[in-house]
Amino acid sequence: MRKLLLLSLILASPLTFAATECTTADKAQWQDQDTFQADLKGQGYEIKKFKVTSGNCYEIYGHDKAGKKVEIYFDPVSGKPVKSNVES
């Protein structure tokens, strides 16, 4: 059974494991991380964790102004959300 599970994971589509890709722009074009976070806080977000992903995104974990848990990936150039998970 374990061999079957391992084989199915190996043969799984690479898209299954693909990270969210936000931009291919040079990092010189990205918004300043501190300014970006300050802008989000000004919009009512409480940021528990902020990171730059391998897919060239700014990612936050925290809460929105309604207090719902959020995980949001942002394009670091435009600042627009690319993918989000919001607690229902």
PDB file of N, CA and C in Angstrom:
ATOM      1  N   MET A   1       0.825  -1.198   0.000  1.00  0.00           N
ATOM      2  CA  MET A   1       0.000   0.000   0.000  1.00  0.00           C
ATOM      3  C   MET A   1       0.864   1.255   0.000  1.00  0.00           C
ATOM      4  N   ARG A   2       1.930   1.244   0.790  1.00  0.00           N
ATOM      5  CA  ARG A   2       2.810   2.410   0.847  1.00  0.00           C
ATOM      6  C   ARG A   2       3.485   2.650  -0.501  1.00  0.00           C
ATOM      7  N   LYS A   3       3.865   1.568  -1.160  1.00  0.00           N
ATOM      8  CA  LYS A   3       4.516   1.705  -2.464  1.00  0.00           C
ATOM      9  C   LYS A   3       3.560   2.322  -3.471  1.00  0.00           C
ATOM     10  N   LEU A   4       2.299   1.928  -3.402  1.00  0.00           N
ATOM     11  CA  LEU A   4       1.289   2.472  -4.309  1.00  0.00           C
ATOM     12  C   LEU A   4       1.099   3.972  -4.050  1.00  0.00           C
ATOM     13  N   LEU A   5       1.044   4.350  -2.783  1.00  0.00           N
ATOM     14  CA  LEU A   5       0.898   5.766  -2.433  1.00  0.00           C
ATOM     15  C   LEU A   5       2.104   6.556  -2.904  1.00  0.00           C
ATOM     16  N   LEU A   6       3.290   6.044  -2.668  1.00  0.00           N
ATOM     17  CA  LEU A   6       4.512   6.716  -3.097  1.00  0.00           C
ATOM     18  C   LEU A   6       4.551   6.861  -4.610  1.00  0.00           C
ATOM     19  N   LEU A   7       4.193   5.821  -5.325  1.00  0.00           N
ATOM     20  CA  LEU A   7       4.167   5.869  -6.781  1.00  0.00           C
ATOM     21  C   LEU A   7       3.170   6.905  -7.281  1.00  0.00           C
ATOM     22  N   SER A   8       2.008   6.977  -6.655  1.00  0.00           N
ATOM     23  CA  SER A   8       1.009   7.953  -7.101  1.00  0.00           C
ATOM     24  C   SER A   8       1.482   9.379  -6.833  1.00  0.00           C
ATOM     25  N   LEU A   9       2.223   9.595  -5.755  1.00  0.00           N
ATOM     26  CA  LEU A   9       2.769  10.927  -5.477  1.00  0.00           C
ATOM     27  C   LEU A   9       3.853  11.301  -6.487  1.00  0.00           C
ATOM     28  N   ILE A  10       4.662  10.337  -6.858  1.00  0.00           N
ATOM     29  CA  ILE A  10       5.727  10.591  -7.834  1.00  0.00           C
ATOM     30  C   ILE A  10       5.141  10.921  -9.201  1.00  0.00           C
ATOM     31  N   LEU A  11       4.070  10.231  -9.563  1.00  0.00           N
ATOM     32  CA  LEU A  11       3.470  10.426 -10.878  1.00  0.00           C
ATOM     33  C   LEU A  11       2.458  11.564 -10.922  1.00  0.00           C
ATOM     34  N   ALA A  12       2.165  12.139  -9.773  1.00  0.00           N
ATOM     35  CA  ALA A  12       1.176  13.229  -9.729  1.00  0.00           C
ATOM     36  C   ALA A  12       1.639  14.387 -10.593  1.00  0.00           C
ATOM     37  N   SER A  13       0.689  15.111 -11.106  1.00  0.00           N
ATOM     38  CA  SER A  13       0.978  16.264 -11.954  1.00  0.00           C
ATOM     39  C   SER A  13       1.853  17.259 -11.225  1.00  0.00           C
ATOM     40  N   PRO A  14       2.860  17.813 -11.895  1.00  0.00           N
ATOM     41  CA  PRO A  14       3.689  18.845 -11.276  1.00  0.00           C
ATOM     42  C   PRO A  14       2.867  20.062 -10.866  1.00  0.00           C
ATOM     43  N   LEU A  15       1.724  20.268 -11.513  1.00  0.00           N
ATOM     44  CA  LEU A  15       0.874  21.399 -11.154  1.00  0.00           C
ATOM     45  C   LEU A  15       0.319  21.263  -9.741  1.00  0.00           C
ATOM     46  N   THR A  16       0.213  20.026  -9.264  1.00  0.00           N
ATOM     47  CA  THR A  16      -0.276  19.800  -7.923  1.00  0.00           C
ATOM     48  C   THR A  16       0.623  20.473  -6.906  1.00  0.00           C
ATOM     49  N   PHE A  17       1.919  20.482  -7.186  1.00  0.00           N
ATOM     50  CA  PHE A  17       2.889  21.008  -6.252  1.00  0.00           C
ATOM     51  C   PHE A  17       3.388  22.394  -6.639  1.00  0.00           C
ATOM     52  N   ALA A  18       2.839  22.972  -7.665  1.00  0.00           N
ATOM     53  CA  ALA A  18       3.302  24.271  -8.145  1.00  0.00           C
ATOM     54  C   ALA A  18       2.935  25.376  -7.163  1.00  0.00           C
ATOM     55  N   ALA A  19       3.871  26.284  -6.989  1.00  0.00           N
ATOM     56  CA  ALA A  19       3.634  27.432  -6.116  1.00  0.00           C
ATOM     57  C   ALA A  19       2.916  28.519  -6.906  1.00  0.00           C
ATOM     58  N   THR A  20       2.266  29.397  -6.180  1.00  0.00           N
ATOM     59  CA  THR A  20       1.623  30.539  -6.813  1.00  0.00           C
ATOM     60  C   THR A  20       2.707  31.458  -7.353  1.00  0.00           C
ATOM     61  N   GLU A  21       2.611  31.810  -8.625  1.00  0.00           N
ATOM     62  CA  GLU A  21       3.581  32.699  -9.275  1.00  0.00           C
ATOM     63  C   GLU A  21       2.936  34.076  -9.399  1.00  0.00           C
ATOM     64  N   CYS A  22       3.606  35.092  -8.856  1.00  0.00           N
ATOM     65  CA  CYS A  22       3.024  36.434  -8.855  1.00  0.00           C
ATOM     66  C   CYS A  22       3.651  37.372  -9.876  1.00  0.00           C
ATOM     67  N   THR A  23       4.959  37.311 -10.039  1.00  0.00           N
ATOM     68  CA  THR A  23       5.610  38.219 -10.975  1.00  0.00           C
ATOM     69  C   THR A  23       6.942  37.655 -11.444  1.00  0.00           C
ATOM     70  N   THR A  24       7.359  38.116 -12.598  1.00  0.00           N
ATOM     71  CA  THR A  24       8.693  37.806 -13.099  1.00  0.00           C
ATOM     72  C   THR A  24       9.530  39.080 -13.173  1.00  0.00           C
ATOM     73  N   ALA A  25       8.963  40.171 -12.667  1.00  0.00           N
ATOM     74  CA  ALA A  25       9.653  41.467 -12.710  1.00  0.00           C
ATOM     75  C   ALA A  25      10.882  41.453 -11.809  1.00  0.00           C
ATOM     76  N   ASP A  26      11.862  42.245 -12.184  1.00  0.00           N
ATOM     77  CA  ASP A  26      13.074  42.400 -11.398  1.00  0.00           C
ATOM     78  C   ASP A  26      12.723  42.966 -10.021  1.00  0.00           C
ATOM     79  N   LYS A  27      13.423  42.531  -8.991  1.00  0.00           N
ATOM     80  CA  LYS A  27      13.115  42.966  -7.627  1.00  0.00           C
ATOM     81  C   LYS A  27      13.277  44.476  -7.439  1.00  0.00           C
ATOM     82  N   ALA A  28      14.013  45.122  -8.307  1.00  0.00           N
ATOM     83  CA  ALA A  28      14.156  46.581  -8.231  1.00  0.00           C
ATOM     84  C   ALA A  28      12.817  47.280  -8.486  1.00  0.00           C
ATOM     85  N   GLN A  29      11.886  46.582  -9.152  1.00  0.00           N
ATOM     86  CA  GLN A  29      10.569  47.150  -9.462  1.00  0.00           C
ATOM     87  C   GLN A  29       9.533  46.867  -8.360  1.00  0.00           C
ATOM     88  N   TRP A  30       9.886  46.041  -7.394  1.00  0.00           N
ATOM     89  CA  TRP A  30       8.958  45.662  -6.334  1.00  0.00           C
ATOM     90  C   TRP A  30       8.742  46.820  -5.364  1.00  0.00           C
ATOM     91  N   GLN A  31       7.563  46.863  -4.776  1.00  0.00           N
ATOM     92  CA  GLN A  31       7.280  47.838  -3.730  1.00  0.00           C
ATOM     93  C   GLN A  31       8.114  47.502  -2.486  1.00  0.00           C
ATOM     94  N   ASP A  32       8.476  48.521  -1.740  1.00  0.00           N
ATOM     95  CA  ASP A  32       9.207  48.336  -0.498  1.00  0.00           C
ATOM     96  C   ASP A  32       8.352  47.509   0.468  1.00  0.00           C
ATOM     97  N   GLN A  33       8.945  46.489   1.064  1.00  0.00           N
ATOM     98  CA  GLN A  33       8.199  45.570   1.937  1.00  0.00           C
ATOM     99  C   GLN A  33       7.575  46.284   3.135  1.00  0.00           C
ATOM    100  N   ASP A  34       8.319  47.167   3.782  1.00  0.00           N
ATOM    101  CA  ASP A  34       7.800  47.861   4.960  1.00  0.00           C
ATOM    102  C   ASP A  34       6.650  48.790   4.595  1.00  0.00           C
ATOM    103  N   THR A  35       6.795  49.509   3.493  1.00  0.00           N
ATOM    104  CA  THR A  35       5.737  50.410   3.036  1.00  0.00           C
ATOM    105  C   THR A  35       4.499  49.619   2.644  1.00  0.00           C
ATOM    106  N   PHE A  36       4.706  48.492   1.970  1.00  0.00           N
ATOM    107  CA  PHE A  36       3.598  47.638   1.554  1.00  0.00           C
ATOM    108  C   PHE A  36       2.815  47.147   2.770  1.00  0.00           C
ATOM    109  N   GLN A  37       3.525  46.673   3.780  1.00  0.00           N
ATOM    110  CA  GLN A  37       2.865  46.186   4.992  1.00  0.00           C
ATOM    111  C   GLN A  37       2.135  47.321   5.717  1.00  0.00           C
ATOM    112  N   ALA A  38       2.741  48.492   5.757  1.00  0.00           N
ATOM    113  CA  ALA A  38       2.101  49.645   6.402  1.00  0.00           C
ATOM    114  C   ALA A  38       0.802  50.012   5.685  1.00  0.00           C
ATOM    115  N   ASP A  39       0.813  49.931   4.357  1.00  0.00           N
ATOM    116  CA  ASP A  39      -0.405  50.214   3.582  1.00  0.00           C
ATOM    117  C   ASP A  39      -1.508  49.203   3.914  1.00  0.00           C
ATOM    118  N   LEU A  40      -1.141  47.921   4.015  1.00  0.00           N
ATOM    119  CA  LEU A  40      -2.130  46.889   4.357  1.00  0.00           C
ATOM    120  C   LEU A  40      -2.694  47.119   5.757  1.00  0.00           C
ATOM    121  N   LYS A  41      -1.830  47.468   6.690  1.00  0.00           N
ATOM    122  CA  LYS A  41      -2.289  47.743   8.053  1.00  0.00           C
ATOM    123  C   LYS A  41      -3.239  48.939   8.054  1.00  0.00           C
ATOM    124  N   GLY A  42      -2.960  49.923   7.202  1.00  0.00           N
ATOM    125  CA  GLY A  42      -3.838  51.080   7.074  1.00  0.00           C
ATOM    126  C   GLY A  42      -5.205  50.716   6.517  1.00  0.00           C
ATOM    127  N   GLN A  43      -5.266  49.594   5.787  1.00  0.00           N
ATOM    128  CA  GLN A  43      -6.536  49.108   5.246  1.00  0.00           C
ATOM    129  C   GLN A  43      -7.270  48.211   6.248  1.00  0.00           C
ATOM    130  N   GLY A  44      -6.675  48.022   7.431  1.00  0.00           N
ATOM    131  CA  GLY A  44      -7.329  47.242   8.471  1.00  0.00           C
ATOM    132  C   GLY A  44      -6.823  45.827   8.659  1.00  0.00           C
ATOM    133  N   TYR A  45      -5.791  45.436   7.920  1.00  0.00           N
ATOM    134  CA  TYR A  45      -5.237  44.094   8.082  1.00  0.00           C
ATOM    135  C   TYR A  45      -4.344  44.040   9.310  1.00  0.00           C
ATOM    136  N   GLU A  46      -4.428  42.923  10.036  1.00  0.00           N
ATOM    137  CA  GLU A  46      -3.493  42.634  11.111  1.00  0.00           C
ATOM    138  C   GLU A  46      -2.578  41.537  10.566  1.00  0.00           C
ATOM    139  N   ILE A  47      -1.310  41.825  10.421  1.00  0.00           N
ATOM    140  CA  ILE A  47      -0.372  40.882   9.811  1.00  0.00           C
ATOM    141  C   ILE A  47       0.359  40.117  10.906  1.00  0.00           C
ATOM    142  N   LYS A  48       0.145  38.806  10.935  1.00  0.00           N
ATOM    143  CA  LYS A  48       0.837  37.934  11.887  1.00  0.00           C
ATOM    144  C   LYS A  48       2.171  37.460  11.302  1.00  0.00           C
ATOM    145  N   LYS A  49       2.165  37.209   9.977  1.00  0.00           N
ATOM    146  CA  LYS A  49       3.374  36.733   9.300  1.00  0.00           C
ATOM    147  C   LYS A  49       3.406  37.316   7.902  1.00  0.00           C
ATOM    148  N   PHE A  50       4.571  37.776   7.501  1.00  0.00           N
ATOM    149  CA  PHE A  50       4.797  38.311   6.160  1.00  0.00           C
ATOM    150  C   PHE A  50       6.017  37.618   5.598  1.00  0.00           C
ATOM    151  N   LYS A  51       5.919  37.181   4.341  1.00  0.00           N
ATOM    152  CA  LYS A  51       7.093  36.561   3.713  1.00  0.00           C
ATOM    153  C   LYS A  51       7.076  36.768   2.212  1.00  0.00           C
ATOM    154  N   VAL A  52       8.243  36.580   1.630  1.00  0.00           N
ATOM    155  CA  VAL A  52       8.401  36.580   0.179  1.00  0.00           C
ATOM    156  C   VAL A  52       8.490  35.121  -0.226  1.00  0.00           C
ATOM    157  N   THR A  53       7.608  34.690  -1.110  1.00  0.00           N
ATOM    158  CA  THR A  53       7.559  33.279  -1.496  1.00  0.00           C
ATOM    159  C   THR A  53       8.531  32.978  -2.632  1.00  0.00           C
ATOM    160  N   SER A  54       8.716  31.702  -2.883  1.00  0.00           N
ATOM    161  CA  SER A  54       9.570  31.282  -4.000  1.00  0.00           C
ATOM    162  C   SER A  54       8.929  31.620  -5.343  1.00  0.00           C
ATOM    163  N   GLY A  55       7.629  31.907  -5.334  1.00  0.00           N
ATOM    164  CA  GLY A  55       6.915  32.293  -6.550  1.00  0.00           C
ATOM    165  C   GLY A  55       6.892  33.802  -6.762  1.00  0.00           C
ATOM    166  N   ASN A  56       7.781  34.496  -6.052  1.00  0.00           N
ATOM    167  CA  ASN A  56       7.894  35.957  -6.170  1.00  0.00           C
ATOM    168  C   ASN A  56       6.609  36.679  -5.797  1.00  0.00           C
ATOM    169  N   CYS A  57       6.071  36.321  -4.644  1.00  0.00           N
ATOM    170  CA  CYS A  57       4.878  36.960  -4.107  1.00  0.00           C
ATOM    171  C   CYS A  57       5.197  37.536  -2.740  1.00  0.00           C
ATOM    172  N   TYR A  58       4.442  38.542  -2.350  1.00  0.00           N
ATOM    173  CA  TYR A  58       4.373  38.937  -0.956  1.00  0.00           C
ATOM    174  C   TYR A  58       3.192  38.156  -0.400  1.00  0.00           C
ATOM    175  N   GLU A  59       3.419  37.430   0.681  1.00  0.00           N
ATOM    176  CA  GLU A  59       2.356  36.615   1.268  1.00  0.00           C
ATOM    177  C   GLU A  59       2.146  37.043   2.713  1.00  0.00           C
ATOM    178  N   ILE A  60       0.881  37.213   3.087  1.00  0.00           N
ATOM    179  CA  ILE A  60       0.579  37.533   4.476  1.00  0.00           C
ATOM    180  C   ILE A  60      -0.335  36.483   5.077  1.00  0.00           C
ATOM    181  N   TYR A  61      -0.165  36.291   6.368  1.00  0.00           N
ATOM    182  CA  TYR A  61      -1.073  35.510   7.196  1.00  0.00           C
ATOM    183  C   TYR A  61      -1.523  36.452   8.298  1.00  0.00           C
ATOM    184  N   GLY A  62      -2.803  36.487   8.572  1.00  0.00           N
ATOM    185  CA  GLY A  62      -3.300  37.366   9.618  1.00  0.00           C
ATOM    186  C   GLY A  62      -4.802  37.442   9.608  1.00  0.00           C
ATOM    187  N   HIS A  63      -5.309  38.661   9.844  1.00  0.00           N
ATOM    188  CA  HIS A  63      -6.749  38.888   9.904  1.00  0.00           C
ATOM    189  C   HIS A  63      -7.118  40.134   9.107  1.00  0.00           C
ATOM    190  N   ASP A  64      -8.303  40.103   8.495  1.00  0.00           N
ATOM    191  CA  ASP A  64      -8.785  41.290   7.785  1.00  0.00           C
ATOM    192  C   ASP A  64      -9.504  42.203   8.771  1.00  0.00           C
ATOM    193  N   LYS A  65     -10.042  43.308   8.276  1.00  0.00           N
ATOM    194  CA  LYS A  65     -10.677  44.274   9.174  1.00  0.00           C
ATOM    195  C   LYS A  65     -11.937  43.732   9.832  1.00  0.00           C
ATOM    196  N   ALA A  66     -12.505  42.652   9.278  1.00  0.00           N
ATOM    197  CA  ALA A  66     -13.672  42.008   9.881  1.00  0.00           C
ATOM    198  C   ALA A  66     -13.258  40.951  10.904  1.00  0.00           C
ATOM    199  N   GLY A  67     -11.950  40.759  11.073  1.00  0.00           N
ATOM    200  CA  GLY A  67     -11.457  39.785  12.035  1.00  0.00           C
ATOM    201  C   GLY A  67     -11.339  38.371  11.507  1.00  0.00           C
ATOM    202  N   LYS A  68     -11.584  38.184  10.203  1.00  0.00           N
ATOM    203  CA  LYS A  68     -11.483  36.848   9.608  1.00  0.00           C
ATOM    204  C   LYS A  68     -10.026  36.523   9.297  1.00  0.00           C
ATOM    205  N   LYS A  69      -9.662  35.254   9.509  1.00  0.00           N
ATOM    206  CA  LYS A  69      -8.314  34.807   9.176  1.00  0.00           C
ATOM    207  C   LYS A  69      -8.119  34.864   7.666  1.00  0.00           C
ATOM    208  N   VAL A  70      -6.942  35.337   7.257  1.00  0.00           N
ATOM    209  CA  VAL A  70      -6.642  35.420   5.834  1.00  0.00           C
ATOM    210  C   VAL A  70      -5.240  34.900   5.542  1.00  0.00           C
ATOM    211  N   GLU A  71      -5.094  34.400   4.343  1.00  0.00           N
ATOM    212  CA  GLU A  71      -3.795  34.089   3.742  1.00  0.00           C
ATOM    213  C   GLU A  71      -3.909  34.666   2.340  1.00  0.00           C
ATOM    214  N   ILE A  72      -3.070  35.654   2.041  1.00  0.00           N
ATOM    215  CA  ILE A  72      -3.193  36.342   0.756  1.00  0.00           C
ATOM    216  C   ILE A  72      -1.824  36.461   0.100  1.00  0.00           C
ATOM    217  N   TYR A  73      -1.787  36.154  -1.193  1.00  0.00           N
ATOM    218  CA  TYR A  73      -0.596  36.334  -2.020  1.00  0.00           C
ATOM    219  C   TYR A  73      -0.798  37.602  -2.849  1.00  0.00           C
ATOM    220  N   PHE A  74       0.190  38.478  -2.828  1.00  0.00           N
ATOM    221  CA  PHE A  74       0.112  39.735  -3.569  1.00  0.00           C
ATOM    222  C   PHE A  74       1.223  39.820  -4.604  1.00  0.00           C
ATOM    223  N   ASP A  75       0.914  40.450  -5.729  1.00  0.00           N
ATOM    224  CA  ASP A  75       1.937  40.806  -6.712  1.00  0.00           C
ATOM    225  C   ASP A  75       2.740  41.943  -6.080  1.00  0.00           C
ATOM    226  N   PRO A  76       4.045  41.774  -5.888  1.00  0.00           N
ATOM    227  CA  PRO A  76       4.832  42.797  -5.205  1.00  0.00           C
ATOM    228  C   PRO A  76       5.071  44.056  -6.039  1.00  0.00           C
ATOM    229  N   VAL A  77       4.760  44.014  -7.308  1.00  0.00           N
ATOM    230  CA  VAL A  77       4.923  45.193  -8.165  1.00  0.00           C
ATOM    231  C   VAL A  77       3.646  46.030  -8.128  1.00  0.00           C
ATOM    232  N   SER A  78       2.518  45.409  -8.437  1.00  0.00           N
ATOM    233  CA  SER A  78       1.241  46.136  -8.482  1.00  0.00           C
ATOM    234  C   SER A  78       0.570  46.237  -7.115  1.00  0.00           C
ATOM    235  N   GLY A  79       0.874  45.301  -6.228  1.00  0.00           N
ATOM    236  CA  GLY A  79       0.226  45.264  -4.918  1.00  0.00           C
ATOM    237  C   GLY A  79      -1.141  44.609  -4.936  1.00  0.00           C
ATOM    238  N   LYS A  80      -1.548  44.102  -6.081  1.00  0.00           N
ATOM    239  CA  LYS A  80      -2.877  43.483  -6.201  1.00  0.00           C
ATOM    240  C   LYS A  80      -2.839  42.032  -5.714  1.00  0.00           C
ATOM    241  N   PRO A  81      -3.932  41.589  -5.062  1.00  0.00           N
ATOM    242  CA  PRO A  81      -4.000  40.192  -4.636  1.00  0.00           C
ATOM    243  C   PRO A  81      -4.030  39.256  -5.840  1.00  0.00           C
ATOM    244  N   VAL A  82      -3.284  38.159  -5.732  1.00  0.00           N
ATOM    245  CA  VAL A  82      -3.229  37.162  -6.799  1.00  0.00           C
ATOM    246  C   VAL A  82      -4.030  35.931  -6.387  1.00  0.00           C
ATOM    247  N   LYS A  83      -3.974  35.605  -5.105  1.00  0.00           N
ATOM    248  CA  LYS A  83      -4.675  34.427  -4.581  1.00  0.00           C
ATOM    249  C   LYS A  83      -4.970  34.706  -3.113  1.00  0.00           C
ATOM    250  N   SER A  84      -6.144  34.287  -2.654  1.00  0.00           N
ATOM    251  CA  SER A  84      -6.449  34.498  -1.243  1.00  0.00           C
ATOM    252  C   SER A  84      -7.310  33.378  -0.689  1.00  0.00           C
ATOM    253  N   ASN A  85      -7.110  33.131   0.584  1.00  0.00           N
ATOM    254  CA  ASN A  85      -7.938  32.207   1.353  1.00  0.00           C
ATOM    255  C   ASN A  85      -8.437  33.005   2.546  1.00  0.00           C
ATOM    256  N   VAL A  86      -9.751  33.118   2.658  1.00  0.00           N
ATOM    257  CA  VAL A  86     -10.363  33.862   3.752  1.00  0.00           C
ATOM    258  C   VAL A  86     -11.261  32.909   4.528  1.00  0.00           C
ATOM    259  N   GLU A  87     -11.115  32.934   5.839  1.00  0.00           N
ATOM    260  CA  GLU A  87     -11.948  32.109   6.705  1.00  0.00           C
ATOM    261  C   GLU A  87     -13.420  32.465   6.485  1.00  0.00           C
ATOM    262  N   SER A  88     -14.263  31.447   6.348  1.00  0.00           N
ATOM    263  CA  SER A  88     -15.683  31.749   6.130  1.00  0.00           C
ATOM    264  C   SER A  88     -16.431  31.889   7.420  1.00  0.00           C
TER     265      SER A  88
END
